[in-house]
């Protein structure tokens, strides 16, 4: 989600994290909407405060790879390493399992419809 909020002239996603996240959180709060943010681990490592704010506001995160890699283009071993790396980020940055708000972190969604397992 954070990367999707980036503008073309801001490829690292700073606009999305610094401007988009607060705007979305304000909108969600106004209408009482709770959301799941499927976010790559790299975005969580890069923008930890913004991601913590998402949790603090009662939303949850879903696992979405580490770099938003295409699992059909990497080996099964690399995919496993990146999945583990992203879960480690969830644990160290956001806390493992459940946040203080009772919202879950770490639900899984592959960045693509297929995984490397389908071709291995």
N, C-alpha and C. Protein backbone atom coordinates (compact mmCIF):
# COMPACT_ATOMS: atom_id res chain seq x y z
N UNK A 1 0.82 -1.19 0.00
CA UNK A 1 0.00 0.00 0.00
C UNK A 1 0.86 1.25 0.00
N UNK A 2 1.90 1.28 0.82
CA UNK A 2 2.72 2.49 0.89
C UNK A 2 3.34 2.82 -0.45
N UNK A 3 3.87 1.81 -1.13
CA UNK A 3 4.49 2.04 -2.43
C UNK A 3 3.49 2.48 -3.48
N UNK A 4 2.26 2.00 -3.40
CA UNK A 4 1.24 2.36 -4.38
C UNK A 4 0.84 3.83 -4.26
N UNK A 5 1.14 4.45 -3.14
CA UNK A 5 0.79 5.85 -2.95
C UNK A 5 1.86 6.79 -3.46
N UNK A 6 2.95 6.22 -3.98
CA UNK A 6 4.05 7.06 -4.46
C UNK A 6 3.69 7.73 -5.78
N UNK A 7 4.21 8.92 -5.98
CA UNK A 7 4.05 9.61 -7.25
C UNK A 7 5.20 9.22 -8.17
N UNK A 8 5.03 9.43 -9.47
CA UNK A 8 6.07 9.07 -10.42
C UNK A 8 7.40 9.73 -10.09
N UNK A 9 7.36 10.98 -9.64
CA UNK A 9 8.60 11.69 -9.33
C UNK A 9 9.15 11.33 -7.96
N UNK A 10 8.51 10.40 -7.27
CA UNK A 10 8.92 9.97 -5.93
C UNK A 10 8.96 8.45 -5.88
N UNK A 11 9.93 7.83 -6.56
CA UNK A 11 9.92 6.38 -6.68
C UNK A 11 10.16 5.62 -5.38
N UNK A 12 10.68 6.25 -4.34
CA UNK A 12 10.93 5.54 -3.09
C UNK A 12 9.72 5.54 -2.17
N UNK A 13 8.65 6.23 -2.54
CA UNK A 13 7.43 6.17 -1.77
C UNK A 13 7.33 7.16 -0.62
N UNK A 14 8.21 8.15 -0.57
CA UNK A 14 8.15 9.10 0.54
C UNK A 14 6.85 9.88 0.55
N UNK A 15 6.34 10.25 -0.62
CA UNK A 15 5.07 10.96 -0.67
C UNK A 15 3.97 10.10 -0.06
N UNK A 16 3.93 8.83 -0.46
CA UNK A 16 2.91 7.92 0.06
C UNK A 16 2.99 7.78 1.56
N UNK A 17 4.19 7.63 2.09
CA UNK A 17 4.36 7.44 3.53
C UNK A 17 4.10 8.73 4.31
N UNK A 18 4.66 9.84 3.83
CA UNK A 18 4.59 11.09 4.57
C UNK A 18 3.27 11.83 4.39
N UNK A 19 2.65 11.72 3.22
CA UNK A 19 1.43 12.48 2.93
C UNK A 19 0.22 11.55 2.79
N UNK A 20 0.38 10.49 2.01
CA UNK A 20 -0.74 9.60 1.73
C UNK A 20 -1.24 8.85 2.95
N UNK A 21 -0.33 8.30 3.74
CA UNK A 21 -0.75 7.52 4.91
C UNK A 21 -1.57 8.37 5.88
N UNK A 22 -1.09 9.55 6.28
CA UNK A 22 -1.92 10.36 7.19
C UNK A 22 -3.28 10.74 6.59
N UNK A 23 -3.31 11.02 5.30
CA UNK A 23 -4.59 11.36 4.67
C UNK A 23 -5.56 10.18 4.71
N UNK A 24 -5.04 9.00 4.37
CA UNK A 24 -5.90 7.81 4.40
C UNK A 24 -6.37 7.50 5.81
N UNK A 25 -5.46 7.57 6.77
CA UNK A 25 -5.85 7.27 8.15
C UNK A 25 -6.92 8.23 8.65
N UNK A 26 -6.80 9.49 8.27
CA UNK A 26 -7.81 10.47 8.65
C UNK A 26 -9.16 10.14 8.03
N UNK A 27 -9.15 9.78 6.77
CA UNK A 27 -10.38 9.42 6.06
C UNK A 27 -11.01 8.17 6.69
N UNK A 28 -10.20 7.15 6.94
CA UNK A 28 -10.71 5.92 7.53
C UNK A 28 -11.30 6.18 8.92
N UNK A 29 -10.63 7.02 9.69
CA UNK A 29 -11.12 7.35 11.03
C UNK A 29 -12.47 8.09 10.95
N UNK A 30 -12.56 9.03 10.05
CA UNK A 30 -13.80 9.81 9.89
C UNK A 30 -15.00 8.92 9.61
N UNK A 31 -14.79 7.85 8.81
CA UNK A 31 -15.90 6.98 8.43
C UNK A 31 -15.93 5.66 9.19
N UNK A 32 -15.05 5.50 10.17
CA UNK A 32 -15.05 4.29 10.98
C UNK A 32 -14.69 3.03 10.21
N UNK A 33 -13.79 3.17 9.26
CA UNK A 33 -13.39 2.04 8.41
C UNK A 33 -12.10 1.41 8.96
N UNK A 34 -12.08 0.09 9.06
CA UNK A 34 -10.87 -0.65 9.43
C UNK A 34 -10.37 -1.37 8.18
N UNK A 35 -9.07 -1.35 7.96
CA UNK A 35 -8.50 -1.87 6.73
C UNK A 35 -7.36 -2.84 7.00
N UNK A 36 -7.00 -3.59 5.98
CA UNK A 36 -5.81 -4.43 5.99
C UNK A 36 -4.86 -3.88 4.94
N UNK A 37 -3.63 -3.63 5.33
CA UNK A 37 -2.61 -3.07 4.45
C UNK A 37 -1.64 -4.19 4.08
N UNK A 38 -1.72 -4.70 2.87
CA UNK A 38 -0.76 -5.70 2.39
C UNK A 38 0.46 -4.94 1.91
N UNK A 39 1.50 -5.00 2.71
CA UNK A 39 2.66 -4.12 2.56
C UNK A 39 3.95 -4.92 2.54
N UNK A 40 4.83 -4.69 1.57
CA UNK A 40 6.13 -5.37 1.57
C UNK A 40 6.95 -5.01 2.82
N UNK A 41 7.73 -5.98 3.28
CA UNK A 41 8.58 -5.76 4.46
C UNK A 41 9.52 -4.58 4.31
N UNK A 42 10.05 -4.39 3.10
CA UNK A 42 10.96 -3.27 2.88
C UNK A 42 10.29 -1.93 3.18
N UNK A 43 9.02 -1.79 2.84
CA UNK A 43 8.29 -0.55 3.14
C UNK A 43 8.13 -0.37 4.64
N UNK A 44 7.92 -1.45 5.36
CA UNK A 44 7.79 -1.37 6.82
C UNK A 44 9.13 -0.98 7.44
N UNK A 45 10.23 -1.57 6.94
CA UNK A 45 11.56 -1.19 7.43
C UNK A 45 11.89 0.26 7.10
N UNK A 46 11.45 0.73 5.94
CA UNK A 46 11.77 2.08 5.48
C UNK A 46 10.92 3.15 6.17
N UNK A 47 9.68 2.83 6.48
CA UNK A 47 8.74 3.79 7.07
C UNK A 47 8.12 3.22 8.35
N UNK A 48 8.94 2.89 9.36
CA UNK A 48 8.39 2.23 10.55
C UNK A 48 7.39 3.07 11.34
N UNK A 49 7.62 4.35 11.45
CA UNK A 49 6.70 5.19 12.25
C UNK A 49 5.32 5.27 11.60
N UNK A 50 5.28 5.41 10.29
CA UNK A 50 4.01 5.46 9.59
C UNK A 50 3.26 4.13 9.74
N UNK A 51 4.00 3.03 9.66
CA UNK A 51 3.38 1.71 9.78
C UNK A 51 2.87 1.48 11.20
N UNK A 52 3.62 1.92 12.19
CA UNK A 52 3.16 1.81 13.57
C UNK A 52 1.88 2.61 13.78
N UNK A 53 1.78 3.76 13.14
CA UNK A 53 0.58 4.59 13.24
C UNK A 53 -0.63 3.87 12.64
N UNK A 54 -0.40 3.16 11.53
CA UNK A 54 -1.49 2.38 10.93
C UNK A 54 -2.02 1.38 11.95
N UNK A 55 -1.13 0.66 12.63
CA UNK A 55 -1.55 -0.30 13.66
C UNK A 55 -2.22 0.41 14.83
N UNK A 56 -1.62 1.50 15.27
CA UNK A 56 -2.18 2.25 16.41
C UNK A 56 -3.59 2.72 16.13
N UNK A 57 -3.90 2.98 14.87
CA UNK A 57 -5.25 3.42 14.50
C UNK A 57 -6.22 2.25 14.30
N UNK A 58 -5.76 1.02 14.60
CA UNK A 58 -6.65 -0.13 14.58
C UNK A 58 -6.72 -0.92 13.30
N UNK A 59 -5.82 -0.65 12.37
CA UNK A 59 -5.78 -1.39 11.12
C UNK A 59 -4.80 -2.56 11.26
N UNK A 60 -4.79 -3.45 10.28
CA UNK A 60 -3.88 -4.59 10.33
C UNK A 60 -3.01 -4.62 9.09
N UNK A 61 -1.90 -5.36 9.20
CA UNK A 61 -0.99 -5.54 8.07
C UNK A 61 -1.04 -6.97 7.59
N UNK A 62 -0.87 -7.14 6.28
CA UNK A 62 -0.73 -8.46 5.68
C UNK A 62 0.63 -8.57 5.03
N UNK A 63 1.22 -9.74 5.13
CA UNK A 63 2.53 -10.05 4.52
C UNK A 63 2.40 -9.93 3.01
N UNK A 64 3.33 -9.22 2.38
CA UNK A 64 3.26 -9.04 0.92
C UNK A 64 4.65 -9.07 0.32
N UNK A 65 5.42 -10.09 0.74
CA UNK A 65 6.79 -10.20 0.26
C UNK A 65 7.71 -9.24 1.01
N UNK A 66 8.95 -9.21 0.61
CA UNK A 66 9.85 -8.23 1.23
C UNK A 66 10.09 -7.06 0.30
N UNK A 67 10.41 -7.33 -0.96
CA UNK A 67 10.68 -6.27 -1.94
C UNK A 67 9.55 -6.10 -2.94
N UNK A 68 8.43 -6.78 -2.74
CA UNK A 68 7.35 -6.87 -3.72
C UNK A 68 7.87 -7.63 -4.95
N UNK A 69 8.64 -8.69 -4.64
CA UNK A 69 9.26 -9.52 -5.67
C UNK A 69 8.21 -10.35 -6.40
N UNK A 70 8.55 -10.74 -7.59
CA UNK A 70 7.71 -11.63 -8.39
C UNK A 70 8.18 -13.05 -8.12
N UNK A 71 7.41 -13.84 -7.37
CA UNK A 71 7.86 -15.18 -7.01
C UNK A 71 8.07 -16.12 -8.19
N UNK A 72 7.49 -15.80 -9.35
CA UNK A 72 7.71 -16.66 -10.51
C UNK A 72 9.08 -16.41 -11.14
N UNK A 73 9.76 -15.38 -10.69
CA UNK A 73 11.06 -15.03 -11.26
C UNK A 73 12.23 -15.36 -10.32
N UNK A 74 11.96 -15.96 -9.16
CA UNK A 74 13.01 -16.29 -8.21
C UNK A 74 12.92 -17.76 -7.82
N UNK A 75 13.99 -18.27 -7.27
CA UNK A 75 14.01 -19.67 -6.86
C UNK A 75 13.18 -19.85 -5.58
N UNK A 76 12.80 -21.08 -5.32
CA UNK A 76 12.07 -21.39 -4.10
C UNK A 76 12.85 -21.02 -2.86
N UNK A 77 14.17 -21.26 -2.86
CA UNK A 77 15.01 -20.90 -1.71
C UNK A 77 15.04 -19.39 -1.48
N UNK A 78 15.14 -18.63 -2.55
CA UNK A 78 15.13 -17.17 -2.42
C UNK A 78 13.77 -16.70 -1.92
N UNK A 79 12.71 -17.28 -2.44
CA UNK A 79 11.37 -16.90 -1.99
C UNK A 79 11.21 -17.16 -0.49
N UNK A 80 11.64 -18.34 -0.02
CA UNK A 80 11.56 -18.66 1.40
C UNK A 80 12.36 -17.68 2.24
N UNK A 81 13.56 -17.33 1.77
CA UNK A 81 14.40 -16.38 2.50
C UNK A 81 13.71 -15.02 2.62
N UNK A 82 13.10 -14.56 1.52
CA UNK A 82 12.43 -13.26 1.54
C UNK A 82 11.15 -13.28 2.37
N UNK A 83 10.43 -14.39 2.34
CA UNK A 83 9.24 -14.52 3.20
C UNK A 83 9.67 -14.44 4.67
N UNK A 84 10.73 -15.17 5.02
CA UNK A 84 11.23 -15.14 6.40
C UNK A 84 11.73 -13.75 6.78
N UNK A 85 12.41 -13.09 5.85
CA UNK A 85 12.90 -11.73 6.11
C UNK A 85 11.73 -10.78 6.39
N UNK A 86 10.67 -10.89 5.61
CA UNK A 86 9.50 -10.03 5.84
C UNK A 86 8.85 -10.34 7.18
N UNK A 87 8.71 -11.62 7.53
CA UNK A 87 8.13 -11.96 8.83
C UNK A 87 9.01 -11.44 9.97
N UNK A 88 10.33 -11.47 9.80
CA UNK A 88 11.22 -10.91 10.82
C UNK A 88 10.97 -9.42 10.98
N UNK A 89 10.72 -8.73 9.88
CA UNK A 89 10.39 -7.30 9.94
C UNK A 89 9.10 -7.08 10.70
N UNK A 90 8.08 -7.90 10.43
CA UNK A 90 6.82 -7.78 11.17
C UNK A 90 7.08 -7.91 12.67
N UNK A 91 7.93 -8.86 13.03
CA UNK A 91 8.20 -9.10 14.45
C UNK A 91 8.98 -7.96 15.08
N UNK A 92 10.05 -7.52 14.43
CA UNK A 92 10.92 -6.51 15.05
C UNK A 92 10.34 -5.10 14.98
N UNK A 93 9.66 -4.76 13.90
CA UNK A 93 9.15 -3.39 13.74
C UNK A 93 7.74 -3.24 14.30
N UNK A 94 6.87 -4.19 14.01
CA UNK A 94 5.46 -4.06 14.38
C UNK A 94 5.04 -4.92 15.55
N UNK A 95 5.87 -5.86 15.96
CA UNK A 95 5.47 -6.81 16.98
C UNK A 95 4.86 -8.03 16.29
N UNK A 96 5.06 -9.17 16.85
CA UNK A 96 4.61 -10.41 16.20
C UNK A 96 3.19 -10.77 16.59
N UNK A 97 2.46 -11.35 15.66
CA UNK A 97 1.14 -11.89 15.95
C UNK A 97 0.07 -10.83 16.09
N UNK A 98 -0.06 -10.27 17.25
CA UNK A 98 -1.09 -9.25 17.49
C UNK A 98 -0.45 -7.98 18.00
N UNK A 99 -0.99 -6.87 17.57
CA UNK A 99 -0.52 -5.58 18.05
C UNK A 99 -1.24 -5.24 19.34
N UNK A 100 -0.87 -4.15 19.94
CA UNK A 100 -1.51 -3.70 21.16
C UNK A 100 -2.98 -3.37 20.97
N UNK A 101 -3.40 -3.18 19.74
CA UNK A 101 -4.80 -2.86 19.46
C UNK A 101 -5.63 -4.11 19.26
N UNK A 102 -4.99 -5.27 19.34
CA UNK A 102 -5.71 -6.52 19.11
C UNK A 102 -5.86 -6.85 17.64
N UNK A 103 -5.26 -6.05 16.77
CA UNK A 103 -5.33 -6.31 15.33
C UNK A 103 -4.18 -7.21 14.94
N UNK A 104 -4.44 -8.12 14.02
CA UNK A 104 -3.41 -9.06 13.60
C UNK A 104 -2.41 -8.42 12.66
N UNK A 105 -1.18 -8.91 12.73
CA UNK A 105 -0.16 -8.56 11.74
C UNK A 105 0.34 -9.85 11.12
N UNK A 106 0.76 -9.77 9.88
CA UNK A 106 1.42 -10.90 9.26
C UNK A 106 0.55 -11.85 8.47
N UNK A 107 -0.68 -11.51 8.15
CA UNK A 107 -1.48 -12.31 7.23
C UNK A 107 -0.73 -12.37 5.91
N UNK A 108 -0.82 -13.45 5.18
CA UNK A 108 -0.01 -13.60 3.98
C UNK A 108 -0.80 -13.42 2.69
N UNK A 109 -0.22 -12.68 1.77
CA UNK A 109 -0.72 -12.59 0.39
C UNK A 109 0.50 -12.50 -0.51
N UNK A 110 0.64 -13.41 -1.43
CA UNK A 110 1.78 -13.37 -2.33
C UNK A 110 1.68 -12.13 -3.22
N UNK A 111 2.84 -11.51 -3.56
CA UNK A 111 2.79 -10.34 -4.43
C UNK A 111 2.25 -10.64 -5.83
N UNK A 112 2.20 -11.88 -6.22
CA UNK A 112 1.63 -12.29 -7.50
C UNK A 112 0.67 -13.45 -7.24
N UNK A 113 -0.12 -13.79 -8.23
CA UNK A 113 -1.09 -14.86 -8.03
C UNK A 113 -0.44 -16.23 -7.89
N UNK A 114 0.74 -16.40 -8.45
CA UNK A 114 1.41 -17.69 -8.33
C UNK A 114 2.70 -17.52 -7.57
N UNK A 115 3.19 -18.59 -7.02
CA UNK A 115 4.45 -18.57 -6.29
C UNK A 115 5.47 -19.42 -7.03
N UNK A 116 6.71 -19.37 -6.57
CA UNK A 116 7.74 -20.16 -7.21
C UNK A 116 7.44 -21.66 -7.11
N UNK A 117 6.70 -22.07 -6.09
CA UNK A 117 6.36 -23.46 -5.89
C UNK A 117 5.59 -24.02 -7.10
N UNK A 118 4.81 -23.19 -7.74
CA UNK A 118 4.00 -23.64 -8.87
C UNK A 118 4.86 -24.07 -10.05
N UNK A 119 6.07 -23.57 -10.14
CA UNK A 119 6.93 -23.92 -11.27
C UNK A 119 8.08 -24.82 -10.87
N UNK A 120 8.34 -24.99 -9.56
CA UNK A 120 9.45 -25.83 -9.08
C UNK A 120 9.14 -27.31 -9.21
